[in-house]
Amino acid sequence: MKILVVDDEKDMKTLFEQKFRREIRDGKAQFVFATSGEEAFCYLQNHDHEAVLILSDINMPGMTGLQLLEKIKHEHKMPPPVVMMITAYGDEENYSRAMQLGADDFLTKPLDFSLLKDKLKIPL
């Protein structure tokens, strides 16, 4: 399973690589990282249907996670990848907007990696 993680925090790459070390080693998960919405959308355009799941932060400079979500759901070839939004702000407004735009799930920071693995159906 190829997962695109979109977050402007540079330490997220290291965190995901540590938390999913076994799954990466065993070939159960492969991660690609983008530090902005623009970078993520460019990746998706150049790697059609490689990423089956996108984990995107909401608050990023430039294109926000919500803007990225909207572009993916409206412009990506069918079927669009599954998109889970991640935010440090679990407020109702962001949640409602993400769901209106077609988010498949909504997670809050700090990430509960056991819960995330469960949602991804990756055995611990």
PDB file of N, CA and C in Angstrom:
ATOM      1  N   MET A   1       0.852  -1.176   0.000  1.00  0.00           N
ATOM      2  CA  MET A   1       0.000   0.000   0.000  1.00  0.00           C
ATOM      3  C   MET A   1       0.894   1.233   0.000  1.00  0.00           C
ATOM      4  N   LYS A   2       0.713   2.108  -0.992  1.00  0.00           N
ATOM      5  CA  LYS A   2       1.494   3.343  -1.045  1.00  0.00           C
ATOM      6  C   LYS A   2       0.675   4.471  -0.423  1.00  0.00           C
ATOM      7  N   ILE A   3       1.280   5.149   0.538  1.00  0.00           N
ATOM      8  CA  ILE A   3       0.616   6.209   1.293  1.00  0.00           C
ATOM      9  C   ILE A   3       1.385   7.506   1.106  1.00  0.00           C
ATOM     10  N   LEU A   4       0.672   8.548   0.708  1.00  0.00           N
ATOM     11  CA  LEU A   4       1.252   9.878   0.553  1.00  0.00           C
ATOM     12  C   LEU A   4       0.922  10.680   1.804  1.00  0.00           C
ATOM     13  N   VAL A   5       1.951  11.109   2.523  1.00  0.00           N
ATOM     14  CA  VAL A   5       1.786  11.922   3.726  1.00  0.00           C
ATOM     15  C   VAL A   5       2.126  13.364   3.362  1.00  0.00           C
ATOM     16  N   VAL A   6       1.169  14.271   3.605  1.00  0.00           N
ATOM     17  CA  VAL A   6       1.342  15.675   3.257  1.00  0.00           C
ATOM     18  C   VAL A   6       1.323  16.502   4.540  1.00  0.00           C
ATOM     19  N   ASP A   7       2.470  17.071   4.887  1.00  0.00           N
ATOM     20  CA  ASP A   7       2.571  17.856   6.114  1.00  0.00           C
ATOM     21  C   ASP A   7       3.787  18.762   6.009  1.00  0.00           C
ATOM     22  N   ASP A   8       3.624  20.026   6.380  1.00  0.00           N
ATOM     23  CA  ASP A   8       4.742  20.966   6.298  1.00  0.00           C
ATOM     24  C   ASP A   8       5.735  20.801   7.445  1.00  0.00           C
ATOM     25  N   GLU A   9       5.413  19.977   8.444  1.00  0.00           N
ATOM     26  CA  GLU A   9       6.346  19.713   9.544  1.00  0.00           C
ATOM     27  C   GLU A   9       7.331  18.640   9.092  1.00  0.00           C
ATOM     28  N   LYS A  10       8.598  19.013   9.012  1.00  0.00           N
ATOM     29  CA  LYS A  10       9.636  18.114   8.494  1.00  0.00           C
ATOM     30  C   LYS A  10       9.801  16.844   9.337  1.00  0.00           C
ATOM     31  N   ASP A  11       9.537  16.928  10.642  1.00  0.00           N
ATOM     32  CA  ASP A  11       9.738  15.775  11.510  1.00  0.00           C
ATOM     33  C   ASP A  11       8.685  14.682  11.313  1.00  0.00           C
ATOM     34  N   MET A  12       7.623  14.957  10.570  1.00  0.00           N
ATOM     35  CA  MET A  12       6.591  13.938  10.328  1.00  0.00           C
ATOM     36  C   MET A  12       7.168  12.759   9.548  1.00  0.00           C
ATOM     37  N   LYS A  13       8.088  13.017   8.627  1.00  0.00           N
ATOM     38  CA  LYS A  13       8.698  11.937   7.836  1.00  0.00           C
ATOM     39  C   LYS A  13       9.423  10.967   8.768  1.00  0.00           C
ATOM     40  N   THR A  14      10.247  11.506   9.648  1.00  0.00           N
ATOM     41  CA  THR A  14      10.982  10.671  10.600  1.00  0.00           C
ATOM     42  C   THR A  14      10.027   9.910  11.510  1.00  0.00           C
ATOM     43  N   LEU A  15       8.998  10.581  11.980  1.00  0.00           N
ATOM     44  CA  LEU A  15       8.020   9.962  12.874  1.00  0.00           C
ATOM     45  C   LEU A  15       7.322   8.785  12.191  1.00  0.00           C
ATOM     46  N   PHE A  16       6.846   8.976  10.969  1.00  0.00           N
ATOM     47  CA  PHE A  16       6.174   7.896  10.240  1.00  0.00           C
ATOM     48  C   PHE A  16       7.133   6.740   9.963  1.00  0.00           C
ATOM     49  N   GLU A  17       8.366   7.059   9.596  1.00  0.00           N
ATOM     50  CA  GLU A  17       9.337   6.001   9.319  1.00  0.00           C
ATOM     51  C   GLU A  17       9.660   5.195  10.577  1.00  0.00           C
ATOM     52  N   GLN A  18       9.652   5.845  11.751  1.00  0.00           N
ATOM     53  CA  GLN A  18       9.882   5.131  13.004  1.00  0.00           C
ATOM     54  C   GLN A  18       8.668   4.277  13.378  1.00  0.00           C
ATOM     55  N   LYS A  19       7.480   4.882  13.318  1.00  0.00           N
ATOM     56  CA  LYS A  19       6.258   4.199  13.766  1.00  0.00           C
ATOM     57  C   LYS A  19       5.844   3.055  12.838  1.00  0.00           C
ATOM     58  N   PHE A  20       6.227   3.128  11.566  1.00  0.00           N
ATOM     59  CA  PHE A  20       5.871   2.093  10.596  1.00  0.00           C
ATOM     60  C   PHE A  20       7.093   1.314  10.114  1.00  0.00           C
ATOM     61  N   ARG A  21       8.149   1.315  10.916  1.00  0.00           N
ATOM     62  CA  ARG A  21       9.404   0.661  10.541  1.00  0.00           C
ATOM     63  C   ARG A  21       9.187  -0.796  10.108  1.00  0.00           C
ATOM     64  N   ARG A  22       8.461  -1.558  10.906  1.00  0.00           N
ATOM     65  CA  ARG A  22       8.234  -2.976  10.606  1.00  0.00           C
ATOM     66  C   ARG A  22       7.404  -3.148   9.333  1.00  0.00           C
ATOM     67  N   GLU A  23       6.354  -2.334   9.191  1.00  0.00           N
ATOM     68  CA  GLU A  23       5.485  -2.436   8.021  1.00  0.00           C
ATOM     69  C   GLU A  23       6.225  -2.063   6.731  1.00  0.00           C
ATOM     70  N   ILE A  24       7.114  -1.071   6.832  1.00  0.00           N
ATOM     71  CA  ILE A  24       7.927  -0.676   5.674  1.00  0.00           C
ATOM     72  C   ILE A  24       8.903  -1.796   5.326  1.00  0.00           C
ATOM     73  N   ARG A  25       9.570  -2.335   6.331  1.00  0.00           N
ATOM     74  CA  ARG A  25      10.542  -3.419   6.123  1.00  0.00           C
ATOM     75  C   ARG A  25       9.875  -4.651   5.518  1.00  0.00           C
ATOM     76  N   ASP A  26       8.660  -4.974   5.992  1.00  0.00           N
ATOM     77  CA  ASP A  26       7.951  -6.159   5.518  1.00  0.00           C
ATOM     78  C   ASP A  26       7.208  -5.930   4.201  1.00  0.00           C
ATOM     79  N   GLY A  27       7.286  -4.704   3.668  1.00  0.00           N
ATOM     80  CA  GLY A  27       6.639  -4.406   2.399  1.00  0.00           C
ATOM     81  C   GLY A  27       5.132  -4.226   2.477  1.00  0.00           C
ATOM     82  N   LYS A  28       4.604  -4.050   3.692  1.00  0.00           N
ATOM     83  CA  LYS A  28       3.158  -3.860   3.866  1.00  0.00           C
ATOM     84  C   LYS A  28       2.738  -2.420   3.609  1.00  0.00           C
ATOM     85  N   ALA A  29       3.680  -1.495   3.729  1.00  0.00           N
ATOM     86  CA  ALA A  29       3.376  -0.082   3.523  1.00  0.00           C
ATOM     87  C   ALA A  29       4.589   0.604   2.909  1.00  0.00           C
ATOM     88  N   GLN A  30       4.302   1.537   2.013  1.00  0.00           N
ATOM     89  CA  GLN A  30       5.346   2.361   1.401  1.00  0.00           C
ATOM     90  C   GLN A  30       4.887   3.801   1.530  1.00  0.00           C
ATOM     91  N   PHE A  31       5.773   4.668   1.994  1.00  0.00           N
ATOM     92  CA  PHE A  31       5.408   6.058   2.227  1.00  0.00           C
ATOM     93  C   PHE A  31       6.141   6.986   1.267  1.00  0.00           C
ATOM     94  N   VAL A  32       5.414   8.009   0.825  1.00  0.00           N
ATOM     95  CA  VAL A  32       5.964   9.106   0.043  1.00  0.00           C
ATOM     96  C   VAL A  32       5.571  10.363   0.807  1.00  0.00           C
ATOM     97  N   PHE A  33       6.459  11.351   0.871  1.00  0.00           N
ATOM     98  CA  PHE A  33       6.196  12.539   1.674  1.00  0.00           C
ATOM     99  C   PHE A  33       6.219  13.795   0.814  1.00  0.00           C
ATOM    100  N   ALA A  34       5.281  14.689   1.098  1.00  0.00           N
ATOM    101  CA  ALA A  34       5.230  16.001   0.456  1.00  0.00           C
ATOM    102  C   ALA A  34       5.084  17.032   1.564  1.00  0.00           C
ATOM    103  N   THR A  35       5.745  18.180   1.393  1.00  0.00           N
ATOM    104  CA  THR A  35       5.713  19.201   2.446  1.00  0.00           C
ATOM    105  C   THR A  35       4.724  20.326   2.150  1.00  0.00           C
ATOM    106  N   SER A  36       3.967  20.192   1.064  1.00  0.00           N
ATOM    107  CA  SER A  36       2.959  21.208   0.746  1.00  0.00           C
ATOM    108  C   SER A  36       1.855  20.585  -0.101  1.00  0.00           C
ATOM    109  N   GLY A  37       0.717  21.264  -0.138  1.00  0.00           N
ATOM    110  CA  GLY A  37      -0.381  20.811  -0.975  1.00  0.00           C
ATOM    111  C   GLY A  37       0.003  20.802  -2.445  1.00  0.00           C
ATOM    112  N   GLU A  38       0.737  21.831  -2.859  1.00  0.00           N
ATOM    113  CA  GLU A  38       1.164  21.926  -4.258  1.00  0.00           C
ATOM    114  C   GLU A  38       2.062  20.743  -4.638  1.00  0.00           C
ATOM    115  N   GLU A  39       3.016  20.432  -3.765  1.00  0.00           N
ATOM    116  CA  GLU A  39       3.930  19.320  -4.021  1.00  0.00           C
ATOM    117  C   GLU A  39       3.165  17.999  -4.096  1.00  0.00           C
ATOM    118  N   ALA A  40       2.199  17.825  -3.212  1.00  0.00           N
ATOM    119  CA  ALA A  40       1.401  16.595  -3.194  1.00  0.00           C
ATOM    120  C   ALA A  40       0.585  16.451  -4.470  1.00  0.00           C
ATOM    121  N   PHE A  41      -0.061  17.538  -4.911  1.00  0.00           N
ATOM    122  CA  PHE A  41      -0.896  17.460  -6.107  1.00  0.00           C
ATOM    123  C   PHE A  41      -0.041  17.192  -7.342  1.00  0.00           C
ATOM    124  N   CYS A  42       1.129  17.793  -7.396  1.00  0.00           N
ATOM    125  CA  CYS A  42       2.072  17.552  -8.496  1.00  0.00           C
ATOM    126  C   CYS A  42       2.484  16.076  -8.508  1.00  0.00           C
ATOM    127  N   TYR A  43       2.777  15.525  -7.340  1.00  0.00           N
ATOM    128  CA  TYR A  43       3.133  14.106  -7.243  1.00  0.00           C
ATOM    129  C   TYR A  43       2.004  13.239  -7.792  1.00  0.00           C
ATOM    130  N   LEU A  44       0.764  13.537  -7.388  1.00  0.00           N
ATOM    131  CA  LEU A  44      -0.380  12.741  -7.837  1.00  0.00           C
ATOM    132  C   LEU A  44      -0.561  12.816  -9.356  1.00  0.00           C
ATOM    133  N   GLN A  45      -0.312  13.972  -9.920  1.00  0.00           N
ATOM    134  CA  GLN A  45      -0.449  14.124 -11.374  1.00  0.00           C
ATOM    135  C   GLN A  45       0.618  13.331 -12.130  1.00  0.00           C
ATOM    136  N   ASN A  46       1.793  13.211 -11.533  1.00  0.00           N
ATOM    137  CA  ASN A  46       2.899  12.519 -12.189  1.00  0.00           C
ATOM    138  C   ASN A  46       3.004  11.041 -11.833  1.00  0.00           C
ATOM    139  N   HIS A  47       2.238  10.583 -10.854  1.00  0.00           N
ATOM    140  CA  HIS A  47       2.275   9.182 -10.411  1.00  0.00           C
ATOM    141  C   HIS A  47       0.839   8.677 -10.285  1.00  0.00           C
ATOM    142  N   ASP A  48       0.151   8.662 -11.400  1.00  0.00           N
ATOM    143  CA  ASP A  48      -1.271   8.321 -11.436  1.00  0.00           C
ATOM    144  C   ASP A  48      -1.570   6.982 -10.755  1.00  0.00           C
ATOM    145  N   HIS A  49      -2.448   7.023  -9.793  1.00  0.00           N
ATOM    146  CA  HIS A  49      -2.966   5.848  -9.082  1.00  0.00           C
ATOM    147  C   HIS A  49      -1.925   5.073  -8.290  1.00  0.00           C
ATOM    148  N   GLU A  50      -0.756   5.661  -8.046  1.00  0.00           N
ATOM    149  CA  GLU A  50       0.217   4.971  -7.200  1.00  0.00           C
ATOM    150  C   GLU A  50      -0.182   5.086  -5.734  1.00  0.00           C
ATOM    151  N   ALA A  51      -0.564   6.283  -5.306  1.00  0.00           N
ATOM    152  CA  ALA A  51      -0.943   6.497  -3.909  1.00  0.00           C
ATOM    153  C   ALA A  51      -2.403   6.093  -3.745  1.00  0.00           C
ATOM    154  N   VAL A  52      -2.650   5.108  -2.903  1.00  0.00           N
ATOM    155  CA  VAL A  52      -4.023   4.668  -2.677  1.00  0.00           C
ATOM    156  C   VAL A  52      -4.629   5.369  -1.468  1.00  0.00           C
ATOM    157  N   LEU A  53      -3.773   6.006  -0.684  1.00  0.00           N
ATOM    158  CA  LEU A  53      -4.238   6.695   0.512  1.00  0.00           C
ATOM    159  C   LEU A  53      -3.410   7.959   0.702  1.00  0.00           C
ATOM    160  N   ILE A  54      -4.089   9.031   1.061  1.00  0.00           N
ATOM    161  CA  ILE A  54      -3.410  10.292   1.330  1.00  0.00           C
ATOM    162  C   ILE A  54      -3.741  10.721   2.751  1.00  0.00           C
ATOM    163  N   LEU A  55      -2.719  11.016   3.531  1.00  0.00           N
ATOM    164  CA  LEU A  55      -2.871  11.574   4.872  1.00  0.00           C
ATOM    165  C   LEU A  55      -2.406  13.009   4.781  1.00  0.00           C
ATOM    166  N   SER A  56      -3.320  13.961   4.907  1.00  0.00           N
ATOM    167  CA  SER A  56      -2.949  15.361   4.714  1.00  0.00           C
ATOM    168  C   SER A  56      -3.259  16.225   5.913  1.00  0.00           C
ATOM    169  N   ASP A  57      -2.262  17.007   6.295  1.00  0.00           N
ATOM    170  CA  ASP A  57      -2.459  18.049   7.294  1.00  0.00           C
ATOM    171  C   ASP A  57      -3.410  19.082   6.697  1.00  0.00           C
ATOM    172  N   ILE A  58      -4.134  19.800   7.528  1.00  0.00           N
ATOM    173  CA  ILE A  58      -5.042  20.832   7.035  1.00  0.00           C
ATOM    174  C   ILE A  58      -4.323  22.173   6.939  1.00  0.00           C
ATOM    175  N   ASN A  59      -3.646  22.573   8.005  1.00  0.00           N
ATOM    176  CA  ASN A  59      -3.036  23.898   8.052  1.00  0.00           C
ATOM    177  C   ASN A  59      -1.602  23.870   7.540  1.00  0.00           C
ATOM    178  N   MET A  60      -1.444  24.339   6.289  1.00  0.00           N
ATOM    179  CA  MET A  60      -0.128  24.435   5.662  1.00  0.00           C
ATOM    180  C   MET A  60      -0.074  25.743   4.891  1.00  0.00           C
ATOM    181  N   PRO A  61       1.125  26.318   4.753  1.00  0.00           N
ATOM    182  CA  PRO A  61       1.231  27.530   3.931  1.00  0.00           C
ATOM    183  C   PRO A  61       0.956  27.196   2.466  1.00  0.00           C
ATOM    184  N   GLY A  62       0.512  28.186   1.708  1.00  0.00           N
ATOM    185  CA  GLY A  62       0.181  27.943   0.306  1.00  0.00           C
ATOM    186  C   GLY A  62      -1.149  27.208   0.229  1.00  0.00           C
ATOM    187  N   MET A  63      -1.175  26.130  -0.546  1.00  0.00           N
ATOM    188  CA  MET A  63      -2.391  25.331  -0.673  1.00  0.00           C
ATOM    189  C   MET A  63      -2.646  24.570   0.630  1.00  0.00           C
ATOM    190  N   THR A  64      -3.778  24.817   1.267  1.00  0.00           N
ATOM    191  CA  THR A  64      -4.104  24.112   2.510  1.00  0.00           C
ATOM    192  C   THR A  64      -4.516  22.680   2.203  1.00  0.00           C
ATOM    193  N   GLY A  65      -4.593  21.902   3.255  1.00  0.00           N
ATOM    194  CA  GLY A  65      -5.048  20.525   3.098  1.00  0.00           C
ATOM    195  C   GLY A  65      -6.467  20.446   2.565  1.00  0.00           C
ATOM    196  N   LEU A  66      -7.312  21.388   2.969  1.00  0.00           N
ATOM    197  CA  LEU A  66      -8.694  21.392   2.478  1.00  0.00           C
ATOM    198  C   LEU A  66      -8.741  21.742   0.988  1.00  0.00           C
ATOM    199  N   GLN A  67      -7.890  22.657   0.554  1.00  0.00           N
ATOM    200  CA  GLN A  67      -7.824  22.987  -0.874  1.00  0.00           C
ATOM    201  C   GLN A  67      -7.292  21.799  -1.675  1.00  0.00           C
ATOM    202  N   LEU A  68      -6.301  21.109  -1.115  1.00  0.00           N
ATOM    203  CA  LEU A  68      -5.771  19.906  -1.754  1.00  0.00           C
ATOM    204  C   LEU A  68      -6.864  18.852  -1.871  1.00  0.00           C
ATOM    205  N   LEU A  69      -7.592  18.630  -0.794  1.00  0.00           N
ATOM    206  CA  LEU A  69      -8.694  17.664  -0.787  1.00  0.00           C
ATOM    207  C   LEU A  69      -9.697  17.979  -1.895  1.00  0.00           C
ATOM    208  N   GLU A  70     -10.073  19.240  -1.999  1.00  0.00           N
ATOM    209  CA  GLU A  70     -11.042  19.649  -3.018  1.00  0.00           C
ATOM    210  C   GLU A  70     -10.509  19.374  -4.425  1.00  0.00           C
ATOM    211  N   LYS A  71      -9.236  19.685  -4.666  1.00  0.00           N
ATOM    212  CA  LYS A  71      -8.640  19.433  -5.980  1.00  0.00           C
ATOM    213  C   LYS A  71      -8.598  17.934  -6.282  1.00  0.00           C
ATOM    214  N   ILE A  72      -8.227  17.145  -5.290  1.00  0.00           N
ATOM    215  CA  ILE A  72      -8.149  15.691  -5.494  1.00  0.00           C
ATOM    216  C   ILE A  72      -9.524  15.138  -5.847  1.00  0.00           C
ATOM    217  N   LYS A  73     -10.517  15.505  -5.074  1.00  0.00           N
ATOM    218  CA  LYS A  73     -11.858  14.939  -5.265  1.00  0.00           C
ATOM    219  C   LYS A  73     -12.518  15.431  -6.554  1.00  0.00           C
ATOM    220  N   HIS A  74     -12.130  16.627  -7.045  1.00  0.00           N
ATOM    221  CA  HIS A  74     -12.753  17.153  -8.256  1.00  0.00           C
ATOM    222  C   HIS A  74     -11.933  16.951  -9.527  1.00  0.00           C
ATOM    223  N   GLU A  75     -10.607  16.878  -9.396  1.00  0.00           N
ATOM    224  CA  GLU A  75      -9.772  16.856 -10.590  1.00  0.00           C
ATOM    225  C   GLU A  75      -9.032  15.546 -10.824  1.00  0.00           C
ATOM    226  N   HIS A  76      -8.911  14.712  -9.789  1.00  0.00           N
ATOM    227  CA  HIS A  76      -8.162  13.471  -9.951  1.00  0.00           C
ATOM    228  C   HIS A  76      -8.995  12.470 -10.726  1.00  0.00           C
ATOM    229  N   LYS A  77      -8.321  11.714 -11.575  1.00  0.00           N
ATOM    230  CA  LYS A  77      -9.029  10.689 -12.348  1.00  0.00           C
ATOM    231  C   LYS A  77      -9.681   9.687 -11.405  1.00  0.00           C
ATOM    232  N   MET A  78     -10.742   9.093 -11.868  1.00  0.00           N
ATOM    233  CA  MET A  78     -11.479   8.127 -11.043  1.00  0.00           C
ATOM    234  C   MET A  78     -10.709   6.834 -10.942  1.00  0.00           C
ATOM    235  N   PRO A  79     -10.805   6.112  -9.839  1.00  0.00           N
ATOM    236  CA  PRO A  79     -11.372   6.605  -8.583  1.00  0.00           C
ATOM    237  C   PRO A  79     -10.332   7.428  -7.831  1.00  0.00           C
ATOM    238  N   PRO A  80     -10.767   8.479  -7.148  1.00  0.00           N
ATOM    239  CA  PRO A  80      -9.794   9.259  -6.375  1.00  0.00           C
ATOM    240  C   PRO A  80      -9.294   8.438  -5.185  1.00  0.00           C
ATOM    241  N   PRO A  81      -8.078   8.709  -4.748  1.00  0.00           N
ATOM    242  CA  PRO A  81      -7.562   7.973  -3.581  1.00  0.00           C
ATOM    243  C   PRO A  81      -8.342   8.320  -2.315  1.00  0.00           C
ATOM    244  N   VAL A  82      -8.228   7.460  -1.335  1.00  0.00           N
ATOM    245  CA  VAL A  82      -8.817   7.710  -0.019  1.00  0.00           C
ATOM    246  C   VAL A  82      -8.018   8.842   0.624  1.00  0.00           C
ATOM    247  N   VAL A  83      -8.712   9.819   1.205  1.00  0.00           N
ATOM    248  CA  VAL A  83      -8.035  10.959   1.823  1.00  0.00           C
ATOM    249  C   VAL A  83      -8.454  11.069   3.285  1.00  0.00           C
ATOM    250  N   MET A  84      -7.469  11.008   4.176  1.00  0.00           N
ATOM    251  CA  MET A  84      -7.685  11.225   5.608  1.00  0.00           C
ATOM    252  C   MET A  84      -7.046  12.554   5.965  1.00  0.00           C
ATOM    253  N   MET A  85      -7.805  13.422   6.584  1.00  0.00           N
ATOM    254  CA  MET A  85      -7.296  14.725   6.997  1.00  0.00           C
ATOM    255  C   MET A  85      -6.727  14.627   8.408  1.00  0.00           C
ATOM    256  N   ILE A  86      -5.624  15.333   8.637  1.00  0.00           N
ATOM    257  CA  ILE A  86      -4.975  15.355   9.951  1.00  0.00           C
ATOM    258  C   ILE A  86      -4.839  16.807  10.377  1.00  0.00           C
ATOM    259  N   THR A  87      -5.217  17.101  11.617  1.00  0.00           N
ATOM    260  CA  THR A  87      -5.067  18.479  12.088  1.00  0.00           C
ATOM    261  C   THR A  87      -4.819  18.532  13.580  1.00  0.00           C
ATOM    262  N   ALA A  88      -4.110  19.557  13.991  1.00  0.00           N
ATOM    263  CA  ALA A  88      -3.915  19.800  15.421  1.00  0.00           C
ATOM    264  C   ALA A  88      -5.156  20.469  15.994  1.00  0.00           C
ATOM    265  N   TYR A  89      -5.999  20.952  15.103  1.00  0.00           N
ATOM    266  CA  TYR A  89      -7.211  21.663  15.515  1.00  0.00           C
ATOM    267  C   TYR A  89      -8.421  20.809  15.180  1.00  0.00           C
ATOM    268  N   GLY A  90      -8.916  20.060  16.163  1.00  0.00           N
ATOM    269  CA  GLY A  90     -10.049  19.181  15.939  1.00  0.00           C
ATOM    270  C   GLY A  90     -11.371  19.901  16.056  1.00  0.00           C
ATOM    271  N   ASP A  91     -11.434  21.118  15.524  1.00  0.00           N
ATOM    272  CA  ASP A  91     -12.649  21.908  15.679  1.00  0.00           C
ATOM    273  C   ASP A  91     -13.728  21.465  14.695  1.00  0.00           C
ATOM    274  N   GLU A  92     -14.948  21.782  15.035  1.00  0.00           N
ATOM    275  CA  GLU A  92     -16.112  21.383  14.254  1.00  0.00           C
ATOM    276  C   GLU A  92     -16.099  21.990  12.850  1.00  0.00           C
ATOM    277  N   GLU A  93     -15.607  23.216  12.715  1.00  0.00           N
ATOM    278  CA  GLU A  93     -15.603  23.875  11.402  1.00  0.00           C
ATOM    279  C   GLU A  93     -14.708  23.133  10.405  1.00  0.00           C
ATOM    280  N   ASN A  94     -13.476  22.806  10.822  1.00  0.00           N
ATOM    281  CA  ASN A  94     -12.583  22.053   9.938  1.00  0.00           C
ATOM    282  C   ASN A  94     -13.143  20.673   9.633  1.00  0.00           C
ATOM    283  N   TYR A  95     -13.695  20.017  10.646  1.00  0.00           N
ATOM    284  CA  TYR A  95     -14.262  18.689  10.452  1.00  0.00           C
ATOM    285  C   TYR A  95     -15.410  18.743   9.438  1.00  0.00           C
ATOM    286  N   SER A  96     -16.335  19.673   9.632  1.00  0.00           N
ATOM    287  CA  SER A  96     -17.489  19.796   8.737  1.00  0.00           C
ATOM    288  C   SER A  96     -17.055  20.103   7.312  1.00  0.00           C
ATOM    289  N   ARG A  97     -16.109  21.027   7.165  1.00  0.00           N
ATOM    290  CA  ARG A  97     -15.641  21.404   5.834  1.00  0.00           C
ATOM    291  C   ARG A  97     -14.946  20.224   5.154  1.00  0.00           C
ATOM    292  N   ALA A  98     -14.116  19.500   5.895  1.00  0.00           N
ATOM    293  CA  ALA A  98     -13.420  18.342   5.335  1.00  0.00           C
ATOM    294  C   ALA A  98     -14.422  17.285   4.860  1.00  0.00           C
ATOM    295  N   MET A  99     -15.448  17.035   5.651  1.00  0.00           N
ATOM    296  CA  MET A  99     -16.446  16.037   5.277  1.00  0.00           C
ATOM    297  C   MET A  99     -17.267  16.502   4.066  1.00  0.00           C
ATOM    298  N   GLN A 100     -17.594  17.791   4.013  1.00  0.00           N
ATOM    299  CA  GLN A 100     -18.327  18.337   2.856  1.00  0.00           C
ATOM    300  C   GLN A 100     -17.516  18.172   1.576  1.00  0.00           C
ATOM    301  N   LEU A 101     -16.193  18.310   1.672  1.00  0.00           N
ATOM    302  CA  LEU A 101     -15.326  18.215   0.504  1.00  0.00           C
ATOM    303  C   LEU A 101     -15.010  16.772   0.115  1.00  0.00           C
ATOM    304  N   GLY A 102     -15.454  15.819   0.928  1.00  0.00           N
ATOM    305  CA  GLY A 102     -15.274  14.411   0.576  1.00  0.00           C
ATOM    306  C   GLY A 102     -14.185  13.670   1.309  1.00  0.00           C
ATOM    307  N   ALA A 103     -13.727  14.199   2.445  1.00  0.00           N
ATOM    308  CA  ALA A 103     -12.715  13.477   3.226  1.00  0.00           C
ATOM    309  C   ALA A 103     -13.283  12.126   3.654  1.00  0.00           C
ATOM    310  N   ASP A 104     -12.415  11.130   3.657  1.00  0.00           N
ATOM    311  CA  ASP A 104     -12.840   9.790   4.054  1.00  0.00           C
ATOM    312  C   ASP A 104     -12.697   9.556   5.553  1.00  0.00           C
ATOM    313  N   ASP A 105     -11.864  10.373   6.202  1.00  0.00           N
ATOM    314  CA  ASP A 105     -11.685  10.255   7.647  1.00  0.00           C
ATOM    315  C   ASP A 105     -11.021  11.533   8.146  1.00  0.00           C
ATOM    316  N   PHE A 106     -10.998  11.710   9.462  1.00  0.00           N
ATOM    317  CA  PHE A 106     -10.484  12.924  10.079  1.00  0.00           C
ATOM    318  C   PHE A 106      -9.769  12.523  11.357  1.00  0.00           C
ATOM    319  N   LEU A 107      -8.474  12.845  11.454  1.00  0.00           N
ATOM    320  CA  LEU A 107      -7.672  12.493  12.622  1.00  0.00           C
ATOM    321  C   LEU A 107      -7.092  13.755  13.239  1.00  0.00           C
ATOM    322  N   THR A 108      -6.827  13.711  14.546  1.00  0.00           N
ATOM    323  CA  THR A 108      -6.239  14.865  15.216  1.00  0.00           C
ATOM    324  C   THR A 108      -4.819  14.538  15.683  1.00  0.00           C
ATOM    325  N   LYS A 109      -4.004  15.591  15.759  1.00  0.00           N
ATOM    326  CA  LYS A 109      -2.640  15.479  16.281  1.00  0.00           C
ATOM    327  C   LYS A 109      -2.690  15.704  17.780  1.00  0.00           C
ATOM    328  N   PRO A 110      -1.810  15.102  18.546  1.00  0.00           N
ATOM    329  CA  PRO A 110      -0.808  14.153  18.079  1.00  0.00           C
ATOM    330  C   PRO A 110      -1.473  12.856  17.606  1.00  0.00           C
ATOM    331  N   LEU A 111      -0.940  12.299  16.535  1.00  0.00           N
ATOM    332  CA  LEU A 111      -1.521  11.100  15.946  1.00  0.00           C
ATOM    333  C   LEU A 111      -1.403   9.906  16.881  1.00  0.00           C
ATOM    334  N   ASP A 112      -2.476   9.161  16.971  1.00  0.00           N
ATOM    335  CA  ASP A 112      -2.479   7.885  17.666  1.00  0.00           C
ATOM    336  C   ASP A 112      -2.142   6.840  16.602  1.00  0.00           C
ATOM    337  N   PHE A 113      -0.893   6.387  16.553  1.00  0.00           N
ATOM    338  CA  PHE A 113      -0.455   5.506  15.481  1.00  0.00           C
ATOM    339  C   PHE A 113      -1.091   4.120  15.558  1.00  0.00           C
ATOM    340  N   SER A 114      -1.466   3.661  16.743  1.00  0.00           N
ATOM    341  CA  SER A 114      -2.181   2.384  16.838  1.00  0.00           C
ATOM    342  C   SER A 114      -3.551   2.508  16.176  1.00  0.00           C
ATOM    343  N   LEU A 115      -4.233   3.613  16.433  1.00  0.00           N
ATOM    344  CA  LEU A 115      -5.528   3.873  15.799  1.00  0.00           C
ATOM    345  C   LEU A 115      -5.359   4.012  14.286  1.00  0.00           C
ATOM    346  N   LEU A 116      -4.334   4.724  13.853  1.00  0.00           N
ATOM    347  CA  LEU A 116      -4.085   4.902  12.427  1.00  0.00           C
ATOM    348  C   LEU A 116      -3.827   3.554  11.758  1.00  0.00           C
ATOM    349  N   LYS A 117      -2.996   2.718  12.366  1.00  0.00           N
ATOM    350  CA  LYS A 117      -2.728   1.387  11.800  1.00  0.00           C
ATOM    351  C   LYS A 117      -4.014   0.567  11.715  1.00  0.00           C
ATOM    352  N   ASP A 118      -4.863   0.690  12.728  1.00  0.00           N
ATOM    353  CA  ASP A 118      -6.142  -0.011  12.706  1.00  0.00           C
ATOM    354  C   ASP A 118      -7.014   0.469  11.548  1.00  0.00           C
ATOM    355  N   LYS A 119      -7.055   1.774  11.352  1.00  0.00           N
ATOM    356  CA  LYS A 119      -7.845   2.345  10.249  1.00  0.00           C
ATOM    357  C   LYS A 119      -7.281   1.939   8.895  1.00  0.00           C
ATOM    358  N   LEU A 120      -5.969   1.782   8.818  1.00  0.00           N
ATOM    359  CA  LEU A 120      -5.315   1.382   7.570  1.00  0.00           C
ATOM    360  C   LEU A 120      -5.370  -0.123   7.362  1.00  0.00           C
ATOM    361  N   LYS A 121      -5.872  -0.834   8.355  1.00  0.00           N
ATOM    362  CA  LYS A 121      -5.960  -2.296   8.314  1.00  0.00           C
ATOM    363  C   LYS A 121      -4.574  -2.935   8.213  1.00  0.00           C
ATOM    364  N   ILE A 122      -3.591  -2.295   8.854  1.00  0.00           N
ATOM    365  CA  ILE A 122      -2.237  -2.848   8.914  1.00  0.00           C
ATOM    366  C   ILE A 122      -2.083  -3.481  10.292  1.00  0.00           C
ATOM    367  N   PRO A 123      -1.837  -4.778  10.359  1.00  0.00           N
ATOM    368  CA  PRO A 123      -1.691  -5.434  11.669  1.00  0.00           C
ATOM    369  C   PRO A 123      -0.491  -4.881  12.443  1.00  0.00           C
ATOM    370  N   LEU A 124      -0.660  -4.766  13.748  1.00  0.00           N
ATOM    371  CA  LEU A 124       0.428  -4.234  14.601  1.00  0.00           C
ATOM    372  C   LEU A 124       1.589  -5.215  14.683  1.00  0.00           C
TER     373      LEU A 124
END
